PDB file of N, CA and C in Angstrom:
ATOM      1  N   UNK A   1      27.239 -15.504  10.389  1.00  0.00           N
ATOM      2  CA  UNK A   1      25.702 -16.895  10.329  1.00  0.00           C
ATOM      3  C   UNK A   1      24.576 -15.910   9.529  1.00  0.00           C
ATOM      4  N   UNK A   2      23.722 -16.156   8.224  1.00  0.00           N
ATOM      5  CA  UNK A   2      22.995 -15.352   7.669  1.00  0.00           C
ATOM      6  C   UNK A   2      21.448 -15.451   8.679  1.00  0.00           C
ATOM      7  N   UNK A   3      21.167 -14.465   9.143  1.00  0.00           N
ATOM      8  CA  UNK A   3      19.738 -14.293   9.620  1.00  0.00           C
ATOM      9  C   UNK A   3      18.685 -13.948   8.680  1.00  0.00           C
ATOM     10  N   UNK A   4      17.732 -14.998   8.951  1.00  0.00           N
ATOM     11  CA  UNK A   4      16.284 -14.419   8.042  1.00  0.00           C
ATOM     12  C   UNK A   4      15.710 -13.364   7.601  1.00  0.00           C
ATOM     13  N   UNK A   5      15.479 -13.166   6.996  1.00  0.00           N
ATOM     14  CA  UNK A   5      14.694 -11.618   6.273  1.00  0.00           C
ATOM     15  C   UNK A   5      13.523 -11.930   7.226  1.00  0.00           C
ATOM     16  N   UNK A   6      12.832 -10.937   8.012  1.00  0.00           N
ATOM     17  CA  UNK A   6      11.435 -10.906   8.467  1.00  0.00           C
ATOM     18  C   UNK A   6      10.595 -10.936   7.351  1.00  0.00           C
ATOM     19  N   UNK A   7       9.543 -11.590   7.837  1.00  0.00           N
ATOM     20  CA  UNK A   7       8.409 -11.621   6.053  1.00  0.00           C
ATOM     21  C   UNK A   7       8.014 -10.380   5.698  1.00  0.00           C
ATOM     22  N   UNK A   8       8.292  -9.375   6.285  1.00  0.00           N
ATOM     23  CA  UNK A   8       7.550  -7.955   5.943  1.00  0.00           C
ATOM     24  C   UNK A   8       8.583  -7.529   5.110  1.00  0.00           C
ATOM     25  N   UNK A   9       9.806  -7.733   5.427  1.00  0.00           N
ATOM     26  CA  UNK A   9      10.922  -7.404   4.726  1.00  0.00           C
ATOM     27  C   UNK A   9      10.943  -7.778   3.242  1.00  0.00           C
ATOM     28  N   UNK A  10      10.779  -9.192   3.229  1.00  0.00           N
ATOM     29  CA  UNK A  10      10.639 -10.050   2.117  1.00  0.00           C
ATOM     30  C   UNK A  10       9.618  -9.272   1.208  1.00  0.00           C
ATOM     31  N   UNK A  11       8.497  -9.323   1.756  1.00  0.00           N
ATOM     32  CA  UNK A  11       7.277  -8.730   1.145  1.00  0.00           C
ATOM     33  C   UNK A  11       7.460  -7.569   0.412  1.00  0.00           C
ATOM     34  N   UNK A  12       8.466  -6.883   1.057  1.00  0.00           N
ATOM     35  CA  UNK A  12       8.324  -5.185   0.434  1.00  0.00           C
ATOM     36  C   UNK A  12       9.643  -5.505  -0.604  1.00  0.00           C
ATOM     37  N   UNK A  13      10.432  -6.190  -0.693  1.00  0.00           N
ATOM     38  CA  UNK A  13      11.081  -6.414  -1.668  1.00  0.00           C
ATOM     39  C   UNK A  13      10.507  -6.886  -2.833  1.00  0.00           C
ATOM     40  N   UNK A  14       9.442  -7.492  -2.845  1.00  0.00           N
ATOM     41  CA  UNK A  14       8.578  -7.953  -3.955  1.00  0.00           C
ATOM     42  C   UNK A  14       7.633  -7.045  -4.656  1.00  0.00           C
ATOM     43  N   UNK A  15       7.592  -5.929  -4.059  1.00  0.00           N
ATOM     44  CA  UNK A  15       6.306  -5.112  -4.358  1.00  0.00           C
ATOM     45  C   UNK A  15       6.903  -4.246  -5.933  1.00  0.00           C
ATOM     46  N   UNK A  16       8.482  -3.676  -6.061  1.00  0.00           N
ATOM     47  CA  UNK A  16       8.717  -3.477  -7.235  1.00  0.00           C
ATOM     48  C   UNK A  16       8.978  -4.163  -8.501  1.00  0.00           C
ATOM     49  N   UNK A  17       9.026  -5.579  -7.677  1.00  0.00           N
ATOM     50  CA  UNK A  17       8.933  -6.711  -9.135  1.00  0.00           C
ATOM     51  C   UNK A  17       7.454  -7.052  -9.274  1.00  0.00           C
ATOM     52  N   UNK A  18       6.246  -7.054  -8.497  1.00  0.00           N
ATOM     53  CA  UNK A  18       5.113  -7.337  -9.022  1.00  0.00           C
ATOM     54  C   UNK A  18       4.385  -6.227  -9.482  1.00  0.00           C
ATOM     55  N   UNK A  19       4.649  -5.125  -9.117  1.00  0.00           N
ATOM     56  CA  UNK A  19       3.709  -4.135  -9.701  1.00  0.00           C
ATOM     57  C   UNK A  19       3.917  -3.642 -11.301  1.00  0.00           C
ATOM     58  N   UNK A  20       5.141  -3.392 -11.617  1.00  0.00           N
ATOM     59  CA  UNK A  20       5.249  -3.677 -13.128  1.00  0.00           C
ATOM     60  C   UNK A  20       4.592  -4.373 -13.845  1.00  0.00           C
ATOM     61  N   UNK A  21       4.485  -5.712 -13.403  1.00  0.00           N
ATOM     62  CA  UNK A  21       3.829  -6.641 -14.172  1.00  0.00           C
ATOM     63  C   UNK A  21       2.191  -6.679 -14.284  1.00  0.00           C
ATOM     64  N   UNK A  22       1.845  -6.029 -13.371  1.00  0.00           N
ATOM     65  CA  UNK A  22       0.411  -5.876 -13.170  1.00  0.00           C
ATOM     66  C   UNK A  22       0.140  -4.479 -12.506  1.00  0.00           C
ATOM     67  N   UNK A  23       0.400  -3.157 -13.470  1.00  0.00           N
ATOM     68  CA  UNK A  23       0.173  -2.078 -13.154  1.00  0.00           C
ATOM     69  C   UNK A  23      -1.224  -1.592 -13.234  1.00  0.00           C
ATOM     70  N   UNK A  24      -2.243  -2.398 -13.939  1.00  0.00           N
ATOM     71  CA  UNK A  24      -3.692  -1.966 -13.705  1.00  0.00           C
ATOM     72  C   UNK A  24      -4.599  -2.818 -12.807  1.00  0.00           C
ATOM     73  N   UNK A  25      -3.807  -3.814 -12.220  1.00  0.00           N
ATOM     74  CA  UNK A  25      -4.494  -4.776 -11.468  1.00  0.00           C
ATOM     75  C   UNK A  25      -4.800  -4.125  -9.953  1.00  0.00           C
ATOM     76  N   UNK A  26      -5.891  -3.666  -9.855  1.00  0.00           N
ATOM     77  CA  UNK A  26      -6.080  -2.524  -8.594  1.00  0.00           C
ATOM     78  C   UNK A  26      -5.753  -3.452  -7.302  1.00  0.00           C
ATOM     79  N   UNK A  27      -6.161  -4.985  -6.943  1.00  0.00           N
ATOM     80  CA  UNK A  27      -5.863  -5.274  -5.693  1.00  0.00           C
ATOM     81  C   UNK A  27      -4.229  -5.369  -5.702  1.00  0.00           C
ATOM     82  N   UNK A  28      -3.348  -5.825  -6.439  1.00  0.00           N
ATOM     83  CA  UNK A  28      -2.092  -5.334  -6.342  1.00  0.00           C
ATOM     84  C   UNK A  28      -1.783  -4.289  -5.668  1.00  0.00           C
ATOM     85  N   UNK A  29      -2.130  -2.881  -5.687  1.00  0.00           N
ATOM     86  CA  UNK A  29      -2.036  -1.774  -5.416  1.00  0.00           C
ATOM     87  C   UNK A  29      -2.465  -1.902  -3.507  1.00  0.00           C
ATOM     88  N   UNK A  30      -3.482  -2.707  -3.384  1.00  0.00           N
ATOM     89  CA  UNK A  30      -4.151  -2.869  -2.153  1.00  0.00           C
ATOM     90  C   UNK A  30      -3.168  -3.495  -1.670  1.00  0.00           C
ATOM     91  N   UNK A  31      -2.696  -4.537  -1.914  1.00  0.00           N
ATOM     92  CA  UNK A  31      -2.002  -5.270  -1.083  1.00  0.00           C
ATOM     93  C   UNK A  31      -0.410  -4.554  -0.982  1.00  0.00           C
ATOM     94  N   UNK A  32      -0.033  -3.917  -1.806  1.00  0.00           N
ATOM     95  CA  UNK A  32       1.429  -2.906  -1.590  1.00  0.00           C
ATOM     96  C   UNK A  32       1.178  -2.500  -0.617  1.00  0.00           C
ATOM     97  N   UNK A  33       0.042  -1.422  -0.736  1.00  0.00           N
ATOM     98  CA  UNK A  33      -0.407  -0.367   0.455  1.00  0.00           C
ATOM     99  C   UNK A  33      -0.653  -1.023   1.545  1.00  0.00           C
ATOM    100  N   UNK A  34      -1.192  -2.222   1.803  1.00  0.00           N
ATOM    101  CA  UNK A  34      -1.079  -2.826   3.218  1.00  0.00           C
ATOM    102  C   UNK A  34       0.262  -3.312   3.889  1.00  0.00           C
ATOM    103  N   UNK A  35       1.217  -3.683   2.850  1.00  0.00           N
ATOM    104  CA  UNK A  35       2.467  -4.076   3.132  1.00  0.00           C
ATOM    105  C   UNK A  35       3.109  -2.840   3.638  1.00  0.00           C
ATOM    106  N   UNK A  36       3.152  -2.017   2.839  1.00  0.00           N
ATOM    107  CA  UNK A  36       3.814  -0.648   3.007  1.00  0.00           C
ATOM    108  C   UNK A  36       3.701  -0.081   4.601  1.00  0.00           C
ATOM    109  N   UNK A  37       2.117  -0.040   4.755  1.00  0.00           N
ATOM    110  CA  UNK A  37       1.717   0.446   6.074  1.00  0.00           C
ATOM    111  C   UNK A  37       1.998  -0.258   7.116  1.00  0.00           C
ATOM    112  N   UNK A  38       1.837  -1.440   6.808  1.00  0.00           N
ATOM    113  CA  UNK A  38       2.841  -2.318   8.089  1.00  0.00           C
ATOM    114  C   UNK A  38       4.227  -2.052   8.452  1.00  0.00           C
ATOM    115  N   UNK A  39       5.000  -1.673   7.484  1.00  0.00           N
ATOM    116  CA  UNK A  39       6.254  -1.645   8.074  1.00  0.00           C
ATOM    117  C   UNK A  39       6.144  -0.027   7.810  1.00  0.00           C
ATOM    118  N   UNK A  40       5.313   1.005   8.435  1.00  0.00           N
ATOM    119  CA  UNK A  40       5.543   2.274   8.637  1.00  0.00           C
ATOM    120  C   UNK A  40       6.028   2.765   7.498  1.00  0.00           C
ATOM    121  N   UNK A  41       5.571   2.620   6.157  1.00  0.00           N
ATOM    122  CA  UNK A  41       5.842   3.474   5.156  1.00  0.00           C
ATOM    123  C   UNK A  41       4.704   4.356   4.501  1.00  0.00           C
ATOM    124  N   UNK A  42       4.155   5.149   5.516  1.00  0.00           N
ATOM    125  CA  UNK A  42       2.794   5.620   5.255  1.00  0.00           C
ATOM    126  C   UNK A  42       2.753   6.238   4.147  1.00  0.00           C
ATOM    127  N   UNK A  43       3.710   7.452   3.857  1.00  0.00           N
ATOM    128  CA  UNK A  43       3.689   8.197   2.496  1.00  0.00           C
ATOM    129  C   UNK A  43       3.694   6.845   0.997  1.00  0.00           C
ATOM    130  N   UNK A  44       4.184   5.998   1.112  1.00  0.00           N
ATOM    131  CA  UNK A  44       4.294   5.250  -0.082  1.00  0.00           C
ATOM    132  C   UNK A  44       2.984   4.549   0.001  1.00  0.00           C
ATOM    133  N   UNK A  45       2.525   3.999   1.060  1.00  0.00           N
ATOM    134  CA  UNK A  45       0.918   3.510   1.388  1.00  0.00           C
ATOM    135  C   UNK A  45       0.392   3.778   0.673  1.00  0.00           C
ATOM    136  N   UNK A  46      -0.207   5.414   1.177  1.00  0.00           N
ATOM    137  CA  UNK A  46      -1.114   6.377   0.553  1.00  0.00           C
ATOM    138  C   UNK A  46      -0.925   5.882  -1.007  1.00  0.00           C
ATOM    139  N   UNK A  47       0.112   6.509  -1.669  1.00  0.00           N
ATOM    140  CA  UNK A  47       0.289   6.500  -3.146  1.00  0.00           C
ATOM    141  C   UNK A  47      -0.508   5.050  -3.725  1.00  0.00           C
ATOM    142  N   UNK A  48      -0.431   3.945  -3.343  1.00  0.00           N
ATOM    143  CA  UNK A  48      -0.612   2.647  -3.532  1.00  0.00           C
ATOM    144  C   UNK A  48      -2.315   2.577  -3.198  1.00  0.00           C
ATOM    145  N   UNK A  49      -2.761   3.132  -2.299  1.00  0.00           N
ATOM    146  CA  UNK A  49      -4.000   2.973  -1.683  1.00  0.00           C
ATOM    147  C   UNK A  49      -4.789   4.204  -2.677  1.00  0.00           C
ATOM    148  N   UNK A  50      -4.352   5.012  -3.037  1.00  0.00           N
ATOM    149  CA  UNK A  50      -5.061   5.944  -4.090  1.00  0.00           C
ATOM    150  C   UNK A  50      -5.082   5.681  -5.522  1.00  0.00           C
ATOM    151  N   UNK A  51      -3.973   4.774  -6.124  1.00  0.00           N
ATOM    152  CA  UNK A  51      -3.992   4.075  -7.426  1.00  0.00           C
ATOM    153  C   UNK A  51      -5.050   2.822  -7.066  1.00  0.00           C
ATOM    154  N   UNK A  52      -5.130   2.232  -6.339  1.00  0.00           N
ATOM    155  CA  UNK A  52      -6.207   0.927  -5.700  1.00  0.00           C
ATOM    156  C   UNK A  52      -7.596   2.017  -6.232  1.00  0.00           C
ATOM    157  N   UNK A  53      -8.078   2.951  -5.539  1.00  0.00           N
ATOM    158  CA  UNK A  53      -9.058   3.422  -5.646  1.00  0.00           C
ATOM    159  C   UNK A  53      -9.571   4.058  -7.010  1.00  0.00           C
ATOM    160  N   UNK A  54      -8.410   4.334  -7.739  1.00  0.00           N
ATOM    161  CA  UNK A  54      -8.503   5.169  -8.909  1.00  0.00           C
ATOM    162  C   UNK A  54      -9.159   3.962  -9.632  1.00  0.00           C
ATOM    163  N   UNK A  55      -8.033   2.902 -10.005  1.00  0.00           N
ATOM    164  CA  UNK A  55      -8.619   1.812 -10.425  1.00  0.00           C
ATOM    165  C   UNK A  55      -9.821   0.860 -10.327  1.00  0.00           C
ATOM    166  N   UNK A  56     -10.299   0.960  -9.036  1.00  0.00           N
ATOM    167  CA  UNK A  56     -11.114   0.011  -8.866  1.00  0.00           C
ATOM    168  C   UNK A  56     -12.298   0.901  -7.465  1.00  0.00           C
ATOM    169  N   UNK A  57     -13.012   2.104  -7.798  1.00  0.00           N
ATOM    170  CA  UNK A  57     -13.655   2.877  -6.740  1.00  0.00           C
ATOM    171  C   UNK A  57     -14.857   2.227  -5.934  1.00  0.00           C
ATOM    172  N   UNK A  58     -15.334   1.255  -6.435  1.00  0.00           N
ATOM    173  CA  UNK A  58     -16.359   0.654  -6.314  1.00  0.00           C
ATOM    174  C   UNK A  58     -16.194  -0.822  -5.961  1.00  0.00           C
ATOM    175  N   UNK A  59     -14.884  -1.316  -5.482  1.00  0.00           N
ATOM    176  CA  UNK A  59     -14.764  -2.743  -5.359  1.00  0.00           C
ATOM    177  C   UNK A  59     -14.981  -2.860  -3.726  1.00  0.00           C
ATOM    178  N   UNK A  60     -15.160  -3.876  -3.435  1.00  0.00           N
ATOM    179  CA  UNK A  60     -15.450  -4.068  -1.870  1.00  0.00           C
ATOM    180  C   UNK A  60     -15.042  -3.618  -0.597  1.00  0.00           C
ATOM    181  N   UNK A  61     -13.608  -3.094  -0.935  1.00  0.00           N
ATOM    182  CA  UNK A  61     -12.794  -2.748  -0.034  1.00  0.00           C
ATOM    183  C   UNK A  61     -12.504  -1.256  -0.069  1.00  0.00           C
ATOM    184  N   UNK A  62     -13.205  -0.754  -1.134  1.00  0.00           N
ATOM    185  CA  UNK A  62     -12.985   0.805  -1.675  1.00  0.00           C
ATOM    186  C   UNK A  62     -13.626   1.549  -0.354  1.00  0.00           C
ATOM    187  N   UNK A  63     -14.361   1.476   0.314  1.00  0.00           N
ATOM    188  CA  UNK A  63     -14.962   1.924   1.637  1.00  0.00           C
ATOM    189  C   UNK A  63     -14.098   2.220   2.381  1.00  0.00           C
ATOM    190  N   UNK A  64     -13.333   0.866   2.705  1.00  0.00           N
ATOM    191  CA  UNK A  64     -12.431   0.914   4.106  1.00  0.00           C
ATOM    192  C   UNK A  64     -11.251   1.815   3.712  1.00  0.00           C
ATOM    193  N   UNK A  65     -10.963   1.452   2.131  1.00  0.00           N
ATOM    194  CA  UNK A  65      -9.547   2.404   2.031  1.00  0.00           C
ATOM    195  C   UNK A  65      -9.926   3.520   2.091  1.00  0.00           C
ATOM    196  N   UNK A  66     -11.062   4.242   1.452  1.00  0.00           N
ATOM    197  CA  UNK A  66     -10.866   5.840   1.658  1.00  0.00           C
ATOM    198  C   UNK A  66     -10.756   5.910   3.163  1.00  0.00           C
ATOM    199  N   UNK A  67     -11.543   5.446   4.305  1.00  0.00           N
ATOM    200  CA  UNK A  67     -11.417   6.055   5.087  1.00  0.00           C
ATOM    201  C   UNK A  67      -9.607   5.955   5.612  1.00  0.00           C
ATOM    202  N   UNK A  68      -8.899   4.689   5.209  1.00  0.00           N
ATOM    203  CA  UNK A  68      -7.694   4.856   5.520  1.00  0.00           C
ATOM    204  C   UNK A  68      -6.850   5.719   4.980  1.00  0.00           C
ATOM    205  N   UNK A  69      -7.031   6.116   3.688  1.00  0.00           N
ATOM    206  CA  UNK A  69      -6.391   7.256   3.039  1.00  0.00           C
ATOM    207  C   UNK A  69      -6.792   8.318   3.728  1.00  0.00           C
ATOM    208  N   UNK A  70      -8.068   8.659   4.010  1.00  0.00           N
ATOM    209  CA  UNK A  70      -8.428  10.033   4.924  1.00  0.00           C
ATOM    210  C   UNK A  70      -7.743  10.021   5.976  1.00  0.00           C
ATOM    211  N   UNK A  71      -7.355   8.748   6.774  1.00  0.00           N
ATOM    212  CA  UNK A  71      -6.479   8.765   8.137  1.00  0.00           C
ATOM    213  C   UNK A  71      -4.881   9.121   7.838  1.00  0.00           C
ATOM    214  N   UNK A  72      -4.535   8.496   6.822  1.00  0.00           N
ATOM    215  CA  UNK A  72      -3.176   8.735   6.560  1.00  0.00           C
ATOM    216  C   UNK A  72      -3.173  10.439   6.142  1.00  0.00           C
ATOM    217  N   UNK A  73      -3.850  10.724   5.289  1.00  0.00           N
ATOM    218  CA  UNK A  73      -3.818  11.981   4.650  1.00  0.00           C
ATOM    219  C   UNK A  73      -3.306  13.131   6.114  1.00  0.00           C
ATOM    220  N   UNK A  74      -4.362  12.893   7.253  1.00  0.00           N
ATOM    221  CA  UNK A  74      -4.769  13.837   8.522  1.00  0.00           C
ATOM    222  C   UNK A  74      -3.276  13.546   9.113  1.00  0.00           C
ATOM    223  N   UNK A  75      -2.830  12.156   9.107  1.00  0.00           N
ATOM    224  CA  UNK A  75      -1.878  11.746   9.807  1.00  0.00           C
ATOM    225  C   UNK A  75      -0.324  12.722   9.113  1.00  0.00           C
ATOM    226  N   UNK A  76      -0.287  12.331   7.929  1.00  0.00           N
ATOM    227  CA  UNK A  76       0.978  12.836   7.377  1.00  0.00           C
ATOM    228  C   UNK A  76       0.908  14.648   7.265  1.00  0.00           C
ATOM    229  N   UNK A  77      -0.396  15.187   7.211  1.00  0.00           N
ATOM    230  CA  UNK A  77      -0.445  16.477   7.465  1.00  0.00           C
ATOM    231  C   UNK A  77       0.171  17.148   8.312  1.00  0.00           C
ATOM    232  N   UNK A  78       0.048  16.079   9.474  1.00  0.00           N
ATOM    233  CA  UNK A  78       0.464  16.909  11.222  1.00  0.00           C
ATOM    234  C   UNK A  78       1.669  16.599  11.305  1.00  0.00           C
ATOM    235  N   UNK A  79       2.754  15.880  10.317  1.00  0.00           N
ATOM    236  CA  UNK A  79       4.150  15.811  10.002  1.00  0.00           C
ATOM    237  C   UNK A  79       4.842  16.545   9.687  1.00  0.00           C
ATOM    238  N   UNK A  80       4.023  17.620   8.977  1.00  0.00           N
ATOM    239  CA  UNK A  80       4.935  18.628   8.144  1.00  0.00           C
ATOM    240  C   UNK A  80       5.191  19.798   8.893  1.00  0.00           C
TER     241      UNK A  80
END
């Protein structure tokens, strides 16, 4: 019997499909980062958050995203 995929797994599978279609859409990178962070893909989430900030450094979510980036960088540095 087929088991349904968890929603997060389905969302992760869509990231490689959507992102190439909208490489300059900052919000796509923000959403991708959020999804990846939710499924414990911190390194990949960090890349997406940084790209979001590069594309839209003054967006309404930029400040919060900078805080997340700093926390991720600190956490990942502690894992080395």
